[in-house]
Amino acid sequence: MNTKTALITGSTSGIGLGIAKAFAEKGYNIIFNGLEQNGADIANDVASQHKVNYIFSPANMLDAEGLRALVVQSADRFGTIDVLVNNAGIQYVSPIENFPENKWNDIIAVNLTAPFHLTKAAWPYMKKNNYGRIINIASAHGLFASINKSAYVASKHGIIGLTKTTALEGAALNITCNAICPGYVKTPLVQKQITDQARINNISEEEAAEKFFLSKHAVKEFIPIQSIAGMAVFLASPDAYAITGGSFSVDAGWGAQ
């Protein structure tokens, strides 16, 4: 029975929930986090199904003090944090000339600054334990740009830079750090964009998905959440002990074109 502990942000929906389920299947204690009203119930259901210990926290990624408190609470409960998955993210689409400054600030704060705060807070526990696995969920947009996504692209390029620096600083401490760069996964975040594009362009959602999203993919399908979750579990496994500082594309061939 694996008694390691994984903290996964944004883990009551979408990719984060898939990652939480995958780690729970491996017997990890899970620290769930999310803003969904039924988040506590979702966490309880997953933990009960896999018979693992857990904490649920509604900590907001915009609240640095709340994030630090979450790490302390988790370490007090389970002794340490072995795996940190920085998954929570937000998006806003607009041309630069009309991009609201508050939206820019929020996206950078949630997608980039919150992972920094959590990494910094978890670091002393990992250092003391001489073990840590930090996995940042970046995006294909951490490697490539798209129009009208200035803040998101900037934040995801930034998280890859943070990943590399964290990997170098953790190398002597048995702390690895890697980024996963998914293509389009049909999460609530992406579904909202599909709906918006369908409305703006007066086309069906199926047409919008094909024109504005799957056109980036060589394989004309959305990425299964299980593919992202499986990569995260692998990067936390003993087999990946020498893998650090990497940015791993799971993008249906987007980057190969």
Protein backbone atom coordinates (compact mmCIF):
# COMPACT_ATOMS: atom_id res chain seq x y z
CA MET A 1 0.00 0.00 0.00
CA ASN A 2 1.44 3.35 -1.08
CA THR A 3 1.21 5.83 1.78
CA LYS A 4 2.51 8.84 -0.12
CA THR A 5 0.49 12.04 -0.29
CA ALA A 6 -0.47 14.08 -3.37
CA LEU A 7 -1.81 17.63 -3.37
CA ILE A 8 -3.63 18.40 -6.61
CA THR A 9 -5.10 21.83 -7.28
CA GLY A 10 -8.28 22.16 -9.27
CA SER A 11 -8.98 18.50 -8.59
CA THR A 12 -12.77 18.42 -8.36
CA SER A 13 -13.37 18.73 -12.11
CA GLY A 14 -11.71 18.20 -15.47
CA ILE A 15 -8.07 17.19 -15.74
CA GLY A 16 -7.41 17.67 -12.04
CA LEU A 17 -10.18 15.27 -11.06
CA GLY A 18 -8.83 12.70 -13.49
CA ILE A 19 -5.36 13.06 -11.96
CA ALA A 20 -6.79 12.77 -8.43
CA LYS A 21 -8.59 9.56 -9.37
CA ALA A 22 -5.41 8.12 -10.91
CA PHE A 23 -3.35 8.83 -7.78
CA ALA A 24 -6.14 7.50 -5.56
CA GLU A 25 -6.07 4.28 -7.56
CA LYS A 26 -2.40 4.00 -6.57
CA GLY A 27 -3.29 4.38 -2.90
CA TYR A 28 -2.07 7.94 -2.34
CA ASN A 29 -3.53 10.16 0.34
CA ILE A 30 -5.19 12.93 -1.69
CA ILE A 31 -5.53 16.63 -0.95
CA PHE A 32 -8.41 17.72 -3.15
CA ASN A 33 -8.93 21.35 -4.06
CA GLY A 34 -11.60 23.14 -6.04
CA LEU A 35 -14.23 25.86 -6.05
CA GLU A 36 -17.20 23.70 -7.12
CA GLN A 37 -20.09 23.89 -4.67
CA ASN A 38 -20.20 20.10 -4.47
CA GLY A 39 -16.42 19.76 -4.30
CA ALA A 40 -16.46 18.17 -0.86
CA ASP A 41 -18.90 15.52 -2.08
CA ILE A 42 -16.80 14.81 -5.18
CA ALA A 43 -13.69 14.38 -3.02
CA ASN A 44 -15.49 12.10 -0.61
CA ASP A 45 -16.84 9.94 -3.43
CA VAL A 46 -13.40 9.42 -4.99
CA ALA A 47 -11.71 8.77 -1.66
CA SER A 48 -14.43 6.35 -0.58
CA GLN A 49 -14.29 4.44 -3.85
CA HIS A 50 -10.54 3.90 -3.54
CA LYS A 51 -10.44 3.70 0.27
CA VAL A 52 -7.83 6.42 0.68
CA ASN A 53 -7.44 9.19 3.23
CA TYR A 54 -8.10 12.71 2.00
CA ILE A 55 -8.57 16.38 2.71
CA PHE A 56 -10.79 18.71 0.70
CA SER A 57 -9.97 22.40 0.57
CA PRO A 58 -11.75 25.21 -1.28
CA ALA A 59 -8.58 27.35 -1.15
CA ASN A 60 -8.65 30.02 -3.85
CA MET A 61 -5.60 30.26 -6.11
CA LEU A 62 -5.80 34.06 -5.78
CA ASP A 63 -5.25 33.84 -2.00
CA ALA A 64 -1.55 33.34 -1.26
CA GLU A 65 -2.12 33.05 2.49
CA GLY A 66 -4.81 30.45 1.90
CA LEU A 67 -2.46 28.41 -0.27
CA ARG A 68 0.28 28.46 2.33
CA ALA A 69 -2.26 27.44 4.98
CA LEU A 70 -3.40 24.55 2.77
CA VAL A 71 0.15 23.19 2.55
CA VAL A 72 0.62 23.45 6.32
CA GLN A 73 -2.75 21.79 6.97
CA SER A 74 -1.90 18.96 4.57
CA ALA A 75 1.57 18.37 6.01
CA ASP A 76 0.18 18.44 9.56
CA ARG A 77 -2.35 15.79 8.61
CA PHE A 78 -0.14 13.48 6.56
CA GLY A 79 3.39 14.33 7.70
CA THR A 80 4.62 15.68 4.37
CA ILE A 81 3.63 16.34 0.77
CA ASP A 82 5.29 13.93 -1.62
CA VAL A 83 3.63 15.02 -4.86
CA LEU A 84 2.41 18.49 -5.81
CA VAL A 85 0.36 18.81 -8.99
CA ASN A 86 -0.22 22.43 -9.98
CA ASN A 87 -3.23 21.98 -12.21
CA ALA A 88 -5.74 24.77 -11.49
CA GLY A 89 -6.08 27.23 -14.35
CA ILE A 90 -8.34 29.85 -15.90
CA GLN A 91 -8.66 31.33 -19.37
CA TYR A 92 -9.97 34.46 -21.08
CA VAL A 93 -10.00 35.10 -24.82
CA SER A 94 -9.72 38.59 -26.29
CA PRO A 95 -7.51 40.61 -28.64
CA ILE A 96 -4.69 42.40 -26.81
CA GLU A 97 -6.12 45.86 -27.52
CA ASN A 98 -9.33 44.94 -25.69
CA PHE A 99 -7.89 42.56 -23.10
CA PRO A 100 -9.14 43.57 -19.62
CA GLU A 101 -6.24 44.22 -17.26
CA ASN A 102 -8.04 42.52 -14.37
CA LYS A 103 -8.38 39.37 -16.48
CA TRP A 104 -4.65 39.48 -17.28
CA ASN A 105 -3.82 39.84 -13.59
CA ASP A 106 -6.11 36.97 -12.55
CA ILE A 107 -4.80 34.58 -15.21
CA ILE A 108 -1.17 35.23 -14.30
CA ALA A 109 -2.03 34.90 -10.61
CA VAL A 110 -3.88 31.60 -10.92
CA ASN A 111 -1.84 29.92 -13.67
CA LEU A 112 1.65 31.03 -12.68
CA THR A 113 1.88 32.78 -9.30
CA ALA A 114 -0.18 30.22 -7.39
CA PRO A 115 2.11 27.33 -8.48
CA PHE A 116 5.07 29.42 -7.27
CA HIS A 117 3.43 29.95 -3.86
CA LEU A 118 2.56 26.25 -3.51
CA THR A 119 6.00 25.09 -4.64
CA LYS A 120 7.67 27.45 -2.20
CA ALA A 121 5.41 26.33 0.65
CA ALA A 122 5.84 22.60 -0.06
CA TRP A 123 9.59 22.85 -0.61
CA PRO A 124 10.74 22.70 3.05
CA TYR A 125 8.74 19.50 3.62
CA MET A 126 10.12 17.87 0.47
CA LYS A 127 13.64 19.01 1.32
CA LYS A 128 13.40 17.60 4.84
CA ASN A 129 12.09 14.31 3.48
CA ASN A 130 14.69 14.26 0.68
CA TYR A 131 11.89 13.47 -1.73
CA GLY A 132 9.47 15.41 -3.88
CA ARG A 133 7.69 15.25 -7.20
CA ILE A 134 6.30 18.51 -8.60
CA ILE A 135 4.19 18.28 -11.73
CA ASN A 136 2.96 21.44 -13.44
CA ILE A 137 0.08 21.14 -15.86
CA ALA A 138 1.14 23.59 -18.54
CA SER A 139 -0.37 23.42 -22.02
CA ALA A 140 0.55 23.19 -25.66
CA HIS A 141 0.24 26.96 -25.26
CA GLY A 142 3.33 26.79 -23.07
CA LEU A 143 5.21 25.91 -26.27
CA PHE A 144 3.11 27.60 -28.97
CA ALA A 145 0.97 30.71 -29.24
CA SER A 146 -2.58 31.34 -30.45
CA ILE A 147 -4.20 34.67 -31.18
CA ASN A 148 -6.39 36.31 -28.54
CA LYS A 149 -4.86 34.32 -25.67
CA SER A 150 -2.06 36.64 -24.57
CA ALA A 151 -2.39 36.10 -20.82
CA TYR A 152 -2.92 32.35 -21.02
CA VAL A 153 0.01 31.84 -23.40
CA ALA A 154 2.24 34.07 -21.27
CA SER A 155 1.29 32.22 -18.08
CA LYS A 156 1.88 28.80 -19.62
CA HIS A 157 5.24 29.81 -21.11
CA GLY A 158 6.05 31.11 -17.63
CA ILE A 159 5.16 27.85 -15.89
CA ILE A 160 7.60 26.02 -18.14
CA GLY A 161 10.32 28.46 -17.09
CA LEU A 162 9.40 27.93 -13.44
CA THR A 163 9.52 24.17 -14.04
CA LYS A 164 13.08 24.32 -15.34
CA THR A 165 14.36 26.47 -12.48
CA THR A 166 12.60 24.30 -9.89
CA ALA A 167 14.14 21.20 -11.44
CA LEU A 168 17.64 22.63 -11.23
CA GLU A 169 17.23 23.72 -7.62
CA GLY A 170 15.74 20.37 -6.63
CA ALA A 171 18.23 18.14 -8.42
CA ALA A 172 20.48 17.64 -5.38
CA LEU A 173 17.49 17.13 -3.08
CA ASN A 174 15.71 14.29 -4.91
CA ILE A 175 12.98 16.75 -5.89
CA THR A 176 11.99 16.54 -9.53
CA CYS A 177 9.84 19.00 -11.42
CA ASN A 178 8.26 18.46 -14.82
CA ALA A 179 5.55 20.03 -16.94
CA ILE A 180 2.84 18.29 -18.93
CA CYS A 181 1.69 20.16 -22.03
CA PRO A 182 -1.74 18.92 -23.12
CA GLY A 183 -3.45 19.77 -26.35
CA TYR A 184 -7.17 20.39 -26.18
CA VAL A 185 -8.98 18.31 -23.57
CA LYS A 186 -12.76 18.66 -23.43
CA THR A 187 -12.84 20.14 -19.95
CA PRO A 188 -15.41 22.70 -18.73
CA LEU A 189 -12.88 25.42 -19.60
CA VAL A 190 -12.59 24.26 -23.21
CA GLN A 191 -16.30 23.52 -23.53
CA LYS A 192 -17.05 27.14 -22.63
CA GLN A 193 -14.72 28.31 -25.39
CA ILE A 194 -16.43 25.99 -27.87
CA THR A 195 -19.84 27.34 -26.89
CA ASP A 196 -18.61 30.93 -27.15
CA GLN A 197 -17.06 30.39 -30.59
CA ALA A 198 -20.21 28.69 -31.84
CA ARG A 199 -22.32 31.66 -30.69
CA ILE A 200 -19.94 34.34 -32.01
CA ASN A 201 -19.60 32.67 -35.42
CA ASN A 202 -23.20 31.44 -35.67
CA ILE A 203 -22.17 27.84 -36.23
CA SER A 204 -22.83 24.59 -34.41
CA GLU A 205 -20.68 23.56 -31.48
CA GLU A 206 -19.44 20.58 -33.48
CA GLU A 207 -18.29 22.92 -36.27
CA ALA A 208 -16.68 25.26 -33.74
CA ALA A 209 -14.81 22.38 -32.14
CA GLU A 210 -13.45 21.24 -35.47
CA LYS A 211 -12.56 24.71 -36.79
CA PHE A 212 -11.07 26.37 -33.73
CA PHE A 213 -9.73 23.48 -31.67
CA LEU A 214 -9.25 20.14 -33.39
CA SER A 215 -7.68 21.87 -36.40
CA LYS A 216 -4.54 22.20 -34.22
CA HIS A 217 -4.39 18.42 -33.69
CA ALA A 218 -2.91 15.97 -36.19
CA VAL A 219 -5.15 13.34 -34.58
CA LYS A 220 -8.58 14.97 -34.88
CA GLU A 221 -9.77 14.10 -31.41
CA PHE A 222 -9.77 15.72 -28.00
CA ILE A 223 -7.11 14.42 -25.62
CA PRO A 224 -8.51 11.87 -23.13
CA ILE A 225 -8.13 13.02 -19.52
CA GLN A 226 -6.73 9.57 -18.73
CA SER A 227 -3.73 10.32 -20.95
CA ILE A 228 -2.82 13.36 -18.86
CA ALA A 229 -3.46 11.51 -15.60
CA GLY A 230 -1.35 8.56 -16.71
CA MET A 231 1.56 10.83 -17.54
CA ALA A 232 1.30 12.51 -14.12
CA VAL A 233 1.35 9.17 -12.32
CA PHE A 234 4.37 8.09 -14.35
CA LEU A 235 6.29 11.29 -13.55
CA ALA A 236 5.68 10.61 -9.85
CA SER A 237 6.78 6.97 -10.12
CA PRO A 238 10.19 5.50 -9.23
CA ASP A 239 10.88 4.92 -12.92
CA ALA A 240 10.92 8.70 -13.47
CA TYR A 241 13.46 9.54 -10.76
CA ALA A 242 15.98 10.86 -13.32
CA ILE A 243 13.42 12.78 -15.39
CA THR A 244 13.34 16.44 -14.38
CA GLY A 245 13.00 19.82 -16.04
CA GLY A 246 11.09 18.35 -18.97
CA SER A 247 8.04 19.62 -20.83
CA PHE A 248 6.07 16.64 -22.09
CA SER A 249 3.60 17.12 -24.91
CA VAL A 250 0.37 15.13 -24.87
CA ASP A 251 -1.11 17.03 -27.77
CA ALA A 252 -2.39 14.69 -30.51
CA GLY A 253 0.52 15.73 -32.74
CA TRP A 254 -0.03 19.51 -32.45
CA GLY A 255 3.68 20.17 -31.97
CA ALA A 256 4.77 17.86 -34.78
CA GLN A 257 3.20 20.02 -37.49
